[in-house]
Amino acid sequence: APVVSACDSTLGKSEAYQLGYQAGSAYAQLADKAEIANSWDPEASLAPEDIRGSAKSWCEVEWMGQGLRLQIENTAQNESDFMSGCVDGFTTDG
């Protein structure tokens, strides 16, 4: 059987979904780095759930920024696709 990578999961999806997936993956990498940095600080103020719990809020902000920057039409379907992709990208290891 062929090996399926995380990137393959965006095949056949809309452009908005793919852009959301990329944004979610980028945020997951930032969250990983924040958790590592946090683990070295005995007075760290962020719990892991605080770092990762803000993913949906972050995706909402990214939708506005990415949509404007890339000139994606602001439709309910594009926003839904972007948000789905963003959450999937954030929660998929790959």
N, C-alpha and C. Protein backbone atom coordinates (compact mmCIF):
# COMPACT_ATOMS: atom_id res chain seq x y z
N ALA A 1 0.85 -1.19 0.00
CA ALA A 1 0.00 0.00 0.00
C ALA A 1 0.89 1.24 0.00
N PRO A 2 0.48 2.28 -0.72
CA PRO A 2 1.30 3.50 -0.73
C PRO A 2 1.25 4.20 0.62
N VAL A 3 2.34 4.87 0.92
CA VAL A 3 2.41 5.63 2.17
C VAL A 3 1.69 6.95 1.95
N VAL A 4 0.82 7.30 2.87
CA VAL A 4 0.08 8.56 2.77
C VAL A 4 0.66 9.52 3.80
N SER A 5 1.07 10.67 3.35
CA SER A 5 1.61 11.67 4.27
C SER A 5 0.52 12.65 4.66
N ALA A 6 0.83 13.49 5.64
CA ALA A 6 -0.14 14.50 6.08
C ALA A 6 -0.49 15.44 4.93
N CYS A 7 0.49 15.71 4.07
CA CYS A 7 0.24 16.60 2.94
C CYS A 7 -0.80 16.02 1.99
N ASP A 8 -0.80 14.69 1.84
CA ASP A 8 -1.75 14.04 0.94
C ASP A 8 -3.19 14.23 1.41
N SER A 9 -3.39 14.50 2.68
CA SER A 9 -4.75 14.64 3.19
C SER A 9 -5.43 15.90 2.67
N THR A 10 -4.67 16.81 2.06
CA THR A 10 -5.28 18.02 1.50
C THR A 10 -5.60 17.87 0.02
N LEU A 11 -5.20 16.75 -0.60
CA LEU A 11 -5.49 16.55 -2.02
C LEU A 11 -7.00 16.51 -2.25
N GLY A 12 -7.43 17.20 -3.28
CA GLY A 12 -8.85 17.21 -3.60
C GLY A 12 -9.66 18.16 -2.75
N LYS A 13 -9.01 18.87 -1.86
CA LYS A 13 -9.71 19.83 -1.01
C LYS A 13 -9.64 21.21 -1.64
N SER A 14 -10.47 22.11 -1.18
CA SER A 14 -10.48 23.47 -1.73
C SER A 14 -9.20 24.22 -1.37
N GLU A 15 -8.96 25.29 -2.09
CA GLU A 15 -7.79 26.13 -1.82
C GLU A 15 -7.87 26.69 -0.39
N ALA A 16 -9.06 27.09 0.02
CA ALA A 16 -9.22 27.64 1.37
C ALA A 16 -8.87 26.58 2.42
N TYR A 17 -9.29 25.33 2.21
CA TYR A 17 -8.94 24.25 3.14
C TYR A 17 -7.43 24.06 3.20
N GLN A 18 -6.80 24.03 2.03
CA GLN A 18 -5.36 23.81 1.98
C GLN A 18 -4.59 24.92 2.69
N LEU A 19 -5.03 26.16 2.49
CA LEU A 19 -4.39 27.29 3.16
C LEU A 19 -4.61 27.20 4.67
N GLY A 20 -5.80 26.80 5.07
CA GLY A 20 -6.08 26.62 6.49
C GLY A 20 -5.21 25.53 7.09
N TYR A 21 -5.04 24.44 6.35
CA TYR A 21 -4.22 23.32 6.82
C TYR A 21 -2.79 23.79 7.05
N GLN A 22 -2.26 24.57 6.13
CA GLN A 22 -0.90 25.09 6.28
C GLN A 22 -0.80 25.99 7.50
N ALA A 23 -1.79 26.83 7.71
CA ALA A 23 -1.78 27.72 8.87
C ALA A 23 -1.85 26.92 10.17
N GLY A 24 -2.70 25.89 10.20
CA GLY A 24 -2.82 25.05 11.40
C GLY A 24 -1.53 24.30 11.69
N SER A 25 -0.89 23.79 10.65
CA SER A 25 0.39 23.08 10.82
C SER A 25 1.45 24.02 11.38
N ALA A 26 1.48 25.25 10.86
CA ALA A 26 2.45 26.23 11.34
C ALA A 26 2.21 26.54 12.82
N TYR A 27 0.93 26.66 13.19
CA TYR A 27 0.62 26.95 14.59
C TYR A 27 1.00 25.78 15.49
N ALA A 28 0.80 24.56 15.02
CA ALA A 28 1.17 23.38 15.81
C ALA A 28 2.68 23.37 16.07
N GLN A 29 3.46 23.75 15.08
CA GLN A 29 4.91 23.80 15.26
C GLN A 29 5.30 24.86 16.28
N LEU A 30 4.62 26.00 16.22
CA LEU A 30 4.87 27.05 17.22
C LEU A 30 4.49 26.57 18.61
N ALA A 31 3.37 25.88 18.72
CA ALA A 31 2.93 25.36 20.02
C ALA A 31 3.93 24.35 20.56
N ASP A 32 4.47 23.50 19.69
CA ASP A 32 5.49 22.54 20.13
C ASP A 32 6.69 23.26 20.71
N LYS A 33 7.16 24.29 20.01
CA LYS A 33 8.32 25.06 20.48
C LYS A 33 8.00 25.77 21.79
N ALA A 34 6.80 26.30 21.90
CA ALA A 34 6.41 27.00 23.13
C ALA A 34 6.37 26.03 24.31
N GLU A 35 5.88 24.81 24.07
CA GLU A 35 5.84 23.82 25.15
C GLU A 35 7.24 23.42 25.60
N ILE A 36 8.16 23.27 24.64
CA ILE A 36 9.54 22.93 25.00
C ILE A 36 10.16 24.07 25.79
N ALA A 37 10.02 25.30 25.32
CA ALA A 37 10.58 26.44 26.02
C ALA A 37 9.95 26.56 27.41
N ASN A 38 8.68 26.32 27.48
CA ASN A 38 7.95 26.40 28.75
C ASN A 38 8.47 25.36 29.75
N SER A 39 8.86 24.19 29.24
CA SER A 39 9.32 23.12 30.13
C SER A 39 10.65 23.47 30.80
N TRP A 40 11.38 24.39 30.24
CA TRP A 40 12.68 24.80 30.80
C TRP A 40 12.54 25.94 31.80
N ASP A 41 11.37 26.52 31.89
CA ASP A 41 11.17 27.67 32.77
C ASP A 41 10.35 27.25 33.98
N PRO A 42 11.01 27.16 35.16
CA PRO A 42 10.28 26.72 36.35
C PRO A 42 9.15 27.66 36.76
N GLU A 43 9.18 28.88 36.28
CA GLU A 43 8.14 29.84 36.63
C GLU A 43 7.21 30.09 35.44
N ALA A 44 7.16 29.13 34.56
CA ALA A 44 6.34 29.28 33.35
C ALA A 44 4.88 29.54 33.72
N SER A 45 4.30 30.47 33.01
CA SER A 45 2.92 30.84 33.32
C SER A 45 1.91 30.19 32.39
N LEU A 46 2.40 29.50 31.36
CA LEU A 46 1.47 28.88 30.41
C LEU A 46 1.39 27.38 30.60
N ALA A 47 0.19 26.89 30.81
CA ALA A 47 -0.02 25.45 30.88
C ALA A 47 -0.16 24.95 29.43
N PRO A 48 0.20 23.68 29.17
CA PRO A 48 0.07 23.16 27.80
C PRO A 48 -1.32 23.36 27.20
N GLU A 49 -2.33 23.22 28.02
CA GLU A 49 -3.69 23.40 27.48
C GLU A 49 -3.95 24.85 27.10
N ASP A 50 -3.23 25.79 27.74
CA ASP A 50 -3.38 27.20 27.36
C ASP A 50 -2.71 27.46 26.01
N ILE A 51 -1.57 26.82 25.78
CA ILE A 51 -0.86 26.99 24.52
C ILE A 51 -1.68 26.39 23.38
N ARG A 52 -2.15 25.18 23.57
CA ARG A 52 -2.88 24.47 22.51
C ARG A 52 -4.35 24.85 22.45
N GLY A 53 -4.89 25.32 23.55
CA GLY A 53 -6.32 25.62 23.61
C GLY A 53 -6.73 26.82 22.78
N SER A 54 -5.75 27.61 22.37
CA SER A 54 -6.09 28.82 21.62
C SER A 54 -6.08 28.59 20.11
N ALA A 55 -5.98 27.33 19.69
CA ALA A 55 -5.89 27.03 18.25
C ALA A 55 -7.08 27.59 17.47
N LYS A 56 -8.30 27.39 17.96
CA LYS A 56 -9.48 27.86 17.22
C LYS A 56 -9.46 29.39 17.10
N SER A 57 -9.12 30.07 18.17
CA SER A 57 -9.05 31.53 18.11
C SER A 57 -7.98 31.98 17.13
N TRP A 58 -6.84 31.27 17.18
CA TRP A 58 -5.75 31.60 16.27
C TRP A 58 -6.17 31.39 14.82
N CYS A 59 -6.87 30.31 14.55
CA CYS A 59 -7.35 30.02 13.19
C CYS A 59 -8.30 31.11 12.70
N GLU A 60 -9.15 31.62 13.59
CA GLU A 60 -10.08 32.68 13.21
C GLU A 60 -9.33 33.94 12.81
N VAL A 61 -8.29 34.27 13.55
CA VAL A 61 -7.47 35.44 13.21
C VAL A 61 -6.75 35.20 11.90
N GLU A 62 -6.21 34.00 11.73
CA GLU A 62 -5.50 33.66 10.50
C GLU A 62 -6.43 33.74 9.29
N TRP A 63 -7.69 33.34 9.45
CA TRP A 63 -8.63 33.40 8.34
C TRP A 63 -8.71 34.83 7.81
N MET A 64 -8.83 35.78 8.69
CA MET A 64 -8.93 37.18 8.26
C MET A 64 -7.62 37.63 7.60
N GLY A 65 -6.50 37.34 8.23
CA GLY A 65 -5.21 37.77 7.69
C GLY A 65 -4.86 37.10 6.39
N GLN A 66 -5.01 35.78 6.33
CA GLN A 66 -4.68 35.04 5.12
C GLN A 66 -5.67 35.38 3.99
N GLY A 67 -6.92 35.48 4.35
CA GLY A 67 -7.93 35.78 3.33
C GLY A 67 -7.69 37.12 2.66
N LEU A 68 -7.36 38.12 3.45
CA LEU A 68 -7.07 39.44 2.88
C LEU A 68 -5.79 39.42 2.07
N ARG A 69 -4.75 38.81 2.62
CA ARG A 69 -3.44 38.79 1.97
C ARG A 69 -3.49 38.03 0.64
N LEU A 70 -4.17 36.91 0.63
CA LEU A 70 -4.20 36.05 -0.55
C LEU A 70 -5.41 36.30 -1.45
N GLN A 71 -6.24 37.28 -1.05
CA GLN A 71 -7.42 37.65 -1.84
C GLN A 71 -8.38 36.47 -2.03
N ILE A 72 -8.65 35.75 -0.94
CA ILE A 72 -9.65 34.69 -0.97
C ILE A 72 -11.01 35.35 -0.76
N GLU A 73 -11.97 34.95 -1.56
CA GLU A 73 -13.30 35.53 -1.42
C GLU A 73 -13.87 35.20 -0.04
N ASN A 74 -14.40 36.22 0.62
CA ASN A 74 -14.93 36.06 1.97
C ASN A 74 -16.35 35.50 1.90
N THR A 75 -16.43 34.16 1.77
CA THR A 75 -17.73 33.50 1.74
C THR A 75 -17.80 32.55 2.94
N ALA A 76 -19.01 32.18 3.29
CA ALA A 76 -19.19 31.25 4.41
C ALA A 76 -18.51 29.91 4.11
N GLN A 77 -18.58 29.46 2.86
CA GLN A 77 -17.96 28.18 2.49
C GLN A 77 -16.44 28.25 2.59
N ASN A 78 -15.84 29.32 2.10
CA ASN A 78 -14.38 29.46 2.19
C ASN A 78 -13.93 29.54 3.64
N GLU A 79 -14.67 30.28 4.45
CA GLU A 79 -14.30 30.39 5.86
C GLU A 79 -14.42 29.02 6.54
N SER A 80 -15.48 28.30 6.25
CA SER A 80 -15.68 26.98 6.83
C SER A 80 -14.55 26.03 6.41
N ASP A 81 -14.20 26.05 5.13
CA ASP A 81 -13.13 25.20 4.62
C ASP A 81 -11.80 25.56 5.28
N PHE A 82 -11.52 26.86 5.38
CA PHE A 82 -10.27 27.31 5.98
C PHE A 82 -10.19 26.85 7.44
N MET A 83 -11.28 27.05 8.18
CA MET A 83 -11.30 26.67 9.59
C MET A 83 -11.14 25.16 9.75
N SER A 84 -11.80 24.38 8.91
CA SER A 84 -11.66 22.92 8.98
C SER A 84 -10.22 22.51 8.69
N GLY A 85 -9.64 23.10 7.66
CA GLY A 85 -8.26 22.79 7.32
C GLY A 85 -7.30 23.20 8.42
N CYS A 86 -7.55 24.35 9.01
CA CYS A 86 -6.68 24.84 10.08
C CYS A 86 -6.70 23.91 11.28
N VAL A 87 -7.87 23.49 11.69
CA VAL A 87 -7.99 22.57 12.82
C VAL A 87 -7.34 21.23 12.48
N ASP A 88 -7.58 20.73 11.26
CA ASP A 88 -6.98 19.47 10.85
C ASP A 88 -5.46 19.57 10.81
N GLY A 89 -4.95 20.67 10.29
CA GLY A 89 -3.50 20.86 10.23
C GLY A 89 -2.88 20.95 11.60
N PHE A 90 -3.62 21.53 12.52
CA PHE A 90 -3.12 21.68 13.89
C PHE A 90 -3.09 20.34 14.62
N THR A 91 -4.06 19.48 14.35
CA THR A 91 -4.18 18.25 15.11
C THR A 91 -3.52 17.05 14.44
N THR A 92 -3.02 17.22 13.21
CA THR A 92 -2.39 16.11 12.49
C THR A 92 -0.88 16.17 12.66
N ASP A 93 -0.29 15.09 13.12
CA ASP A 93 1.17 15.02 13.19
C ASP A 93 1.67 14.63 11.82
N GLY A 94 2.68 15.34 11.35
CA GLY A 94 3.16 14.98 10.03
C GLY A 94 4.32 15.77 9.61
